[in-house]
N, C-alpha and C. Protein backbone atom coordinates (compact mmCIF):
# COMPACT_ATOMS: atom_id res chain seq x y z
N MET A 1 79.23 64.38 137.92
CA MET A 1 80.41 65.21 137.99
C MET A 1 80.78 65.38 139.46
N GLY A 2 82.04 65.14 139.78
CA GLY A 2 82.52 65.23 141.16
C GLY A 2 82.81 66.66 141.57
N ILE A 3 83.10 66.83 142.86
CA ILE A 3 83.37 68.17 143.39
C ILE A 3 84.63 68.77 142.77
N PHE A 4 85.64 67.95 142.47
CA PHE A 4 86.86 68.43 141.86
C PHE A 4 86.58 69.02 140.49
N GLU A 5 85.81 68.32 139.68
CA GLU A 5 85.50 68.80 138.34
C GLU A 5 84.69 70.10 138.40
N ARG A 6 83.72 70.19 139.34
CA ARG A 6 82.93 71.42 139.47
C ARG A 6 83.83 72.58 139.91
N SER A 7 84.75 72.32 140.85
CA SER A 7 85.66 73.37 141.31
C SER A 7 86.53 73.88 140.18
N CYS A 8 87.07 72.96 139.38
CA CYS A 8 87.91 73.36 138.25
C CYS A 8 87.11 74.17 137.25
N GLY A 9 85.87 73.77 137.03
CA GLY A 9 85.02 74.51 136.10
C GLY A 9 84.75 75.91 136.58
N ILE A 10 84.51 76.08 137.89
CA ILE A 10 84.27 77.40 138.44
C ILE A 10 85.51 78.26 138.31
N VAL A 11 86.68 77.71 138.61
CA VAL A 11 87.93 78.45 138.49
C VAL A 11 88.14 78.88 137.04
N LEU A 12 87.92 77.98 136.09
CA LEU A 12 88.08 78.33 134.68
C LEU A 12 87.08 79.39 134.26
N LEU A 13 85.85 79.34 134.76
CA LEU A 13 84.86 80.35 134.45
C LEU A 13 85.31 81.71 134.99
N ILE A 14 85.81 81.75 136.21
CA ILE A 14 86.29 83.01 136.80
C ILE A 14 87.46 83.56 136.00
N ILE A 15 88.39 82.71 135.62
CA ILE A 15 89.54 83.14 134.81
C ILE A 15 89.04 83.70 133.49
N GLY A 16 88.08 83.03 132.88
CA GLY A 16 87.53 83.49 131.61
C GLY A 16 86.85 84.84 131.75
N LEU A 17 86.15 85.08 132.85
CA LEU A 17 85.46 86.35 133.05
C LEU A 17 86.42 87.49 133.34
N THR A 18 87.51 87.22 134.04
CA THR A 18 88.45 88.28 134.38
C THR A 18 89.42 88.59 133.26
N GLY A 19 89.52 87.75 132.27
CA GLY A 19 90.36 88.04 131.13
C GLY A 19 91.77 87.49 131.23
N GLU A 20 92.38 87.66 132.37
CA GLU A 20 93.73 87.14 132.52
C GLU A 20 94.06 86.92 133.99
N VAL A 21 95.02 86.07 134.22
CA VAL A 21 95.50 85.81 135.56
C VAL A 21 96.87 86.46 135.67
N LYS A 22 97.05 87.29 136.68
CA LYS A 22 98.33 87.95 136.88
C LYS A 22 99.06 87.24 138.00
N ALA A 23 100.29 86.89 137.71
CA ALA A 23 101.09 86.16 138.68
C ALA A 23 101.71 87.12 139.69
N GLN A 24 101.87 86.63 140.88
CA GLN A 24 102.56 87.37 141.93
C GLN A 24 104.05 87.11 141.76
N GLU A 25 104.84 88.19 141.71
CA GLU A 25 106.29 88.05 141.55
C GLU A 25 106.99 88.71 142.72
N LEU A 26 107.91 87.98 143.34
CA LEU A 26 108.70 88.50 144.45
C LEU A 26 109.68 89.53 143.90
N GLU A 27 109.69 90.72 144.49
CA GLU A 27 110.58 91.81 144.07
C GLU A 27 111.82 91.89 144.94
N ASP A 28 111.62 91.79 146.28
CA ASP A 28 112.74 92.02 147.19
C ASP A 28 112.36 91.51 148.58
N GLN A 29 113.35 91.07 149.34
CA GLN A 29 113.18 90.74 150.75
C GLN A 29 114.41 91.19 151.51
N GLY A 30 114.20 91.65 152.74
CA GLY A 30 115.30 92.02 153.62
C GLY A 30 115.11 91.34 154.96
N PHE A 31 116.23 91.13 155.65
CA PHE A 31 116.17 90.39 156.91
C PHE A 31 116.91 91.14 158.01
N TYR A 32 116.43 91.01 159.25
CA TYR A 32 117.13 91.53 160.42
C TYR A 32 118.34 90.65 160.70
N PRO A 33 119.32 91.15 161.49
CA PRO A 33 120.48 90.33 161.85
C PRO A 33 120.09 89.01 162.54
N ASN A 34 118.93 88.99 163.22
CA ASN A 34 118.51 87.75 163.89
C ASN A 34 117.88 86.75 162.92
N GLY A 35 117.82 87.11 161.64
CA GLY A 35 117.29 86.20 160.62
C GLY A 35 115.81 86.37 160.33
N ARG A 36 115.12 87.15 161.13
CA ARG A 36 113.68 87.37 160.87
C ARG A 36 113.50 88.29 159.66
N LEU A 37 112.39 88.11 159.00
CA LEU A 37 112.05 88.92 157.83
C LEU A 37 111.81 90.36 158.26
N GLU A 38 112.47 91.30 157.60
CA GLU A 38 112.31 92.73 157.89
C GLU A 38 111.31 93.37 156.92
N HIS A 39 111.34 92.96 155.67
CA HIS A 39 110.36 93.46 154.69
C HIS A 39 110.31 92.52 153.49
N THR A 40 109.22 92.62 152.79
CA THR A 40 109.08 91.89 151.52
C THR A 40 108.29 92.76 150.57
N ARG A 41 108.67 92.74 149.30
CA ARG A 41 107.95 93.45 148.25
C ARG A 41 107.64 92.45 147.14
N TYR A 42 106.42 92.53 146.64
CA TYR A 42 106.03 91.67 145.53
C TYR A 42 105.11 92.45 144.61
N SER A 43 105.06 92.04 143.37
CA SER A 43 104.20 92.74 142.41
C SER A 43 103.15 91.80 141.85
N ILE A 44 102.03 92.41 141.53
CA ILE A 44 100.96 91.75 140.79
C ILE A 44 100.57 92.75 139.73
N GLY A 45 100.88 92.43 138.50
CA GLY A 45 100.63 93.38 137.42
C GLY A 45 101.46 94.63 137.63
N ASP A 46 100.82 95.79 137.57
CA ASP A 46 101.53 97.07 137.72
C ASP A 46 101.66 97.52 139.17
N GLN A 47 101.03 96.81 140.09
CA GLN A 47 101.06 97.22 141.49
C GLN A 47 102.15 96.49 142.26
N VAL A 48 102.87 97.23 143.11
CA VAL A 48 103.91 96.66 143.98
C VAL A 48 103.40 96.76 145.41
N PHE A 49 103.31 95.62 146.08
CA PHE A 49 102.84 95.54 147.45
C PHE A 49 104.04 95.36 148.37
N PHE A 50 103.93 95.86 149.59
CA PHE A 50 105.01 95.64 150.54
C PHE A 50 104.44 95.39 151.91
N ILE A 51 105.21 94.65 152.68
CA ILE A 51 104.92 94.42 154.08
C ILE A 51 106.24 94.57 154.82
N SER A 52 106.27 95.41 155.85
CA SER A 52 107.46 95.50 156.69
C SER A 52 107.08 94.96 158.07
N TYR A 53 108.10 94.44 158.76
CA TYR A 53 107.88 93.75 160.03
C TYR A 53 108.74 94.36 161.13
N HIS A 54 108.21 94.33 162.35
CA HIS A 54 109.02 94.65 163.52
C HIS A 54 110.00 93.49 163.73
N ASP A 55 111.07 93.71 164.51
CA ASP A 55 112.06 92.65 164.72
C ASP A 55 111.51 91.48 165.53
N ASN A 56 110.30 91.62 166.09
CA ASN A 56 109.68 90.50 166.79
C ASN A 56 108.79 89.66 165.86
N GLY A 57 108.75 90.03 164.57
CA GLY A 57 107.99 89.26 163.58
C GLY A 57 106.60 89.79 163.29
N ARG A 58 106.11 90.72 164.08
CA ARG A 58 104.78 91.28 163.84
C ARG A 58 104.84 92.32 162.71
N VAL A 59 103.72 92.46 162.00
CA VAL A 59 103.65 93.41 160.90
C VAL A 59 103.79 94.83 161.43
N ARG A 60 104.62 95.63 160.77
CA ARG A 60 104.80 97.04 161.10
C ARG A 60 103.96 97.92 160.18
N GLU A 61 104.03 97.64 158.87
CA GLU A 61 103.32 98.46 157.89
C GLU A 61 103.00 97.62 156.67
N ILE A 62 101.87 97.93 156.04
CA ILE A 62 101.47 97.22 154.85
C ILE A 62 100.85 98.24 153.89
N GLY A 63 101.19 98.13 152.62
CA GLY A 63 100.66 99.07 151.64
C GLY A 63 101.03 98.65 150.24
N ALA A 64 100.73 99.53 149.28
CA ALA A 64 101.01 99.23 147.88
C ALA A 64 101.35 100.51 147.13
N PHE A 65 102.03 100.31 146.01
CA PHE A 65 102.39 101.40 145.10
C PHE A 65 101.88 101.08 143.71
N LEU A 66 101.49 102.11 142.99
CA LEU A 66 101.13 101.99 141.59
C LEU A 66 101.88 103.09 140.86
N ASN A 67 102.69 102.71 139.89
CA ASN A 67 103.53 103.67 139.17
C ASN A 67 104.41 104.48 140.12
N GLY A 68 104.93 103.81 141.17
CA GLY A 68 105.85 104.44 142.10
C GLY A 68 105.21 105.34 143.14
N ARG A 69 103.88 105.40 143.17
CA ARG A 69 103.19 106.27 144.13
C ARG A 69 102.27 105.43 145.02
N PRO A 70 102.09 105.84 146.29
CA PRO A 70 101.20 105.09 147.17
C PRO A 70 99.80 104.97 146.57
N GLU A 71 99.20 103.78 146.74
CA GLU A 71 97.87 103.52 146.18
C GLU A 71 97.12 102.57 147.09
N GLY A 72 95.84 102.87 147.33
CA GLY A 72 95.00 101.98 148.13
C GLY A 72 95.20 102.17 149.62
N GLU A 73 94.78 101.15 150.36
CA GLU A 73 94.82 101.22 151.82
C GLU A 73 96.21 100.91 152.36
N TRP A 74 96.65 101.72 153.31
CA TRP A 74 97.90 101.51 154.04
C TRP A 74 97.56 101.40 155.51
N LYS A 75 98.31 100.55 156.22
CA LYS A 75 98.11 100.39 157.66
C LYS A 75 99.46 100.35 158.35
N GLN A 76 99.50 100.86 159.60
CA GLN A 76 100.67 100.77 160.44
C GLN A 76 100.25 100.15 161.77
N PHE A 77 101.18 99.38 162.37
CA PHE A 77 100.88 98.63 163.58
C PHE A 77 102.00 98.80 164.61
N THR A 78 101.63 98.65 165.88
CA THR A 78 102.62 98.67 166.96
C THR A 78 103.35 97.33 167.02
N ARG A 79 104.36 97.26 167.87
CA ARG A 79 105.12 96.01 168.06
C ARG A 79 104.24 94.89 168.62
N THR A 80 103.13 95.26 169.26
CA THR A 80 102.24 94.25 169.83
C THR A 80 101.11 93.87 168.87
N GLY A 81 101.08 94.49 167.69
CA GLY A 81 100.10 94.12 166.68
C GLY A 81 98.86 95.00 166.62
N ARG A 82 98.81 96.05 167.42
CA ARG A 82 97.65 96.94 167.37
C ARG A 82 97.81 97.95 166.23
N MET A 83 96.73 98.15 165.47
CA MET A 83 96.77 99.11 164.38
C MET A 83 96.76 100.53 164.93
N THR A 84 97.66 101.38 164.43
CA THR A 84 97.70 102.77 164.87
C THR A 84 97.25 103.73 163.77
N VAL A 85 97.41 103.35 162.51
CA VAL A 85 97.03 104.23 161.40
C VAL A 85 96.41 103.40 160.29
N ARG A 86 95.32 103.94 159.73
CA ARG A 86 94.74 103.38 158.50
C ARG A 86 94.47 104.57 157.59
N ALA A 87 95.05 104.54 156.40
CA ALA A 87 94.90 105.64 155.46
C ALA A 87 94.69 105.09 154.06
N ASN A 88 94.08 105.89 153.21
CA ASN A 88 93.85 105.50 151.82
C ASN A 88 94.51 106.50 150.88
N PHE A 89 95.10 105.98 149.83
CA PHE A 89 95.76 106.80 148.83
C PHE A 89 95.14 106.56 147.46
N ARG A 90 95.07 107.62 146.68
CA ARG A 90 94.68 107.53 145.28
C ARG A 90 95.64 108.41 144.49
N ASP A 91 96.27 107.83 143.51
CA ASP A 91 97.24 108.56 142.68
C ASP A 91 98.33 109.22 143.52
N GLY A 92 98.76 108.55 144.59
CA GLY A 92 99.85 109.04 145.41
C GLY A 92 99.47 110.08 146.45
N ARG A 93 98.18 110.40 146.55
CA ARG A 93 97.73 111.42 147.49
C ARG A 93 96.74 110.81 148.48
N LEU A 94 96.75 111.33 149.70
CA LEU A 94 95.78 110.88 150.70
C LEU A 94 94.38 111.19 150.20
N GLU A 95 93.46 110.26 150.45
CA GLU A 95 92.08 110.42 150.00
C GLU A 95 91.13 109.81 151.03
N GLY A 96 90.09 110.54 151.37
CA GLY A 96 89.11 110.04 152.33
C GLY A 96 89.61 110.18 153.76
N ALA A 97 89.03 109.39 154.65
CA ALA A 97 89.34 109.48 156.08
C ALA A 97 90.53 108.62 156.45
N SER A 98 91.49 109.21 157.14
CA SER A 98 92.60 108.49 157.75
C SER A 98 92.29 108.39 159.23
N GLU A 99 92.39 107.19 159.78
CA GLU A 99 92.06 106.96 161.18
C GLU A 99 93.33 106.74 161.99
N PHE A 100 93.32 107.25 163.20
CA PHE A 100 94.47 107.10 164.10
C PHE A 100 94.00 106.48 165.41
N HIS A 101 94.77 105.54 165.92
CA HIS A 101 94.47 104.87 167.19
C HIS A 101 95.70 104.96 168.08
N ASP A 102 95.49 105.03 169.38
CA ASP A 102 96.63 105.03 170.28
C ASP A 102 97.09 103.57 170.48
N PRO A 103 98.23 103.36 171.12
CA PRO A 103 98.74 101.98 171.28
C PRO A 103 97.82 101.05 172.07
N ASP A 104 96.84 101.61 172.79
CA ASP A 104 95.86 100.77 173.50
C ASP A 104 94.61 100.52 172.67
N ASP A 105 94.69 100.85 171.37
CA ASP A 105 93.62 100.61 170.40
C ASP A 105 92.40 101.50 170.63
N ARG A 106 92.62 102.65 171.22
CA ARG A 106 91.52 103.62 171.37
C ARG A 106 91.62 104.60 170.21
N TRP A 107 90.48 104.90 169.62
CA TRP A 107 90.44 105.83 168.50
C TRP A 107 90.88 107.19 168.98
N SER A 108 91.88 107.81 168.34
CA SER A 108 92.39 109.10 168.81
C SER A 108 92.17 110.23 167.83
N GLY A 109 91.72 109.92 166.62
CA GLY A 109 91.43 111.01 165.69
C GLY A 109 91.35 110.57 164.26
N ARG A 110 91.07 111.56 163.41
CA ARG A 110 91.05 111.28 161.98
C ARG A 110 91.28 112.56 161.22
N LEU A 111 91.78 112.38 160.01
CA LEU A 111 91.95 113.46 159.06
C LEU A 111 91.20 113.07 157.80
N VAL A 112 90.53 114.05 157.19
CA VAL A 112 89.79 113.78 155.96
C VAL A 112 90.41 114.59 154.83
N HIS A 113 90.77 113.88 153.76
CA HIS A 113 91.35 114.51 152.57
C HIS A 113 90.41 114.35 151.39
N GLU A 114 90.34 115.40 150.56
CA GLU A 114 89.62 115.34 149.29
C GLU A 114 90.59 115.75 148.20
N ASN A 115 90.79 114.86 147.23
CA ASN A 115 91.73 115.10 146.14
C ASN A 115 93.11 115.49 146.66
N GLY A 116 93.54 114.86 147.76
CA GLY A 116 94.86 115.09 148.31
C GLY A 116 94.98 116.32 149.18
N VAL A 117 93.89 117.03 149.40
CA VAL A 117 93.91 118.26 150.20
C VAL A 117 93.21 118.00 151.53
N LEU A 118 93.86 118.37 152.63
CA LEU A 118 93.28 118.20 153.96
C LEU A 118 92.05 119.09 154.09
N ARG A 119 90.91 118.49 154.48
CA ARG A 119 89.65 119.23 154.60
C ARG A 119 89.12 119.29 156.03
N HIS A 120 89.43 118.27 156.84
CA HIS A 120 88.86 118.22 158.18
C HIS A 120 89.76 117.39 159.09
N GLY A 121 89.85 117.78 160.35
CA GLY A 121 90.60 117.02 161.33
C GLY A 121 89.86 116.94 162.65
N GLU A 122 90.04 115.82 163.36
CA GLU A 122 89.43 115.62 164.67
C GLU A 122 90.43 114.97 165.60
N GLN A 123 90.38 115.34 166.87
CA GLN A 123 91.19 114.69 167.90
C GLN A 123 90.27 114.26 169.02
N HIS A 124 90.50 113.04 169.55
CA HIS A 124 89.69 112.48 170.62
C HIS A 124 90.58 112.15 171.81
N ASP A 125 90.01 112.25 173.00
CA ASP A 125 90.77 111.92 174.21
C ASP A 125 90.71 110.41 174.46
N ALA A 126 91.33 109.96 175.54
CA ALA A 126 91.43 108.53 175.84
C ALA A 126 90.07 107.87 176.07
N GLN A 127 89.06 108.66 176.41
CA GLN A 127 87.71 108.11 176.61
C GLN A 127 86.88 108.15 175.32
N GLY A 128 87.46 108.71 174.26
CA GLY A 128 86.76 108.76 172.98
C GLY A 128 85.99 110.04 172.73
N TYR A 129 86.08 111.00 173.66
CA TYR A 129 85.36 112.26 173.49
C TYR A 129 86.11 113.19 172.53
N LEU A 130 85.37 113.87 171.71
CA LEU A 130 85.94 114.84 170.78
C LEU A 130 86.47 116.02 171.59
N VAL A 131 87.77 116.33 171.43
CA VAL A 131 88.36 117.44 172.17
C VAL A 131 88.80 118.57 171.25
N ALA A 132 88.94 118.29 169.97
CA ALA A 132 89.32 119.33 169.02
C ALA A 132 88.90 118.91 167.62
N GLN A 133 88.50 119.90 166.84
CA GLN A 133 88.22 119.65 165.43
C GLN A 133 88.45 120.93 164.65
N ARG A 134 88.72 120.76 163.38
CA ARG A 134 88.96 121.93 162.53
C ARG A 134 88.62 121.58 161.10
N ASP A 135 87.98 122.52 160.42
CA ASP A 135 87.73 122.41 158.98
C ASP A 135 88.76 123.23 158.25
N TYR A 136 89.26 122.71 157.16
CA TYR A 136 90.29 123.39 156.36
C TYR A 136 89.73 123.67 154.96
N ARG A 137 88.73 124.47 154.87
CA ARG A 137 88.12 124.78 153.57
C ARG A 137 88.40 126.20 153.18
């Protein structure tokens, strides 16, 4: 049996184990006046994913919706491609730790949510030292 046949067999086994294959469907795209892609939305099953771009072509924000509400990991980026925010959503509400970075990619703080309620916050200076924190219980 050749490598192609083994690969096809593995793919069919995975498809069989997962039950079904969900196709990616393009929902919408928008463009800047210069012709560059401004945003794209696509769905896989019940989830709608989106990516928005700065006018220089770099990713601005990436995330997903489930039943019209934010779901899963969301990220935001500067025009130069540095991540400034990483947050997680469950059922449309912030959940867990959200991280914040300054444009020079230095960690500047975080907020912690439990069941959509803010529980803790921290702020760090440019050297990474903790300068403020608060519990919201």
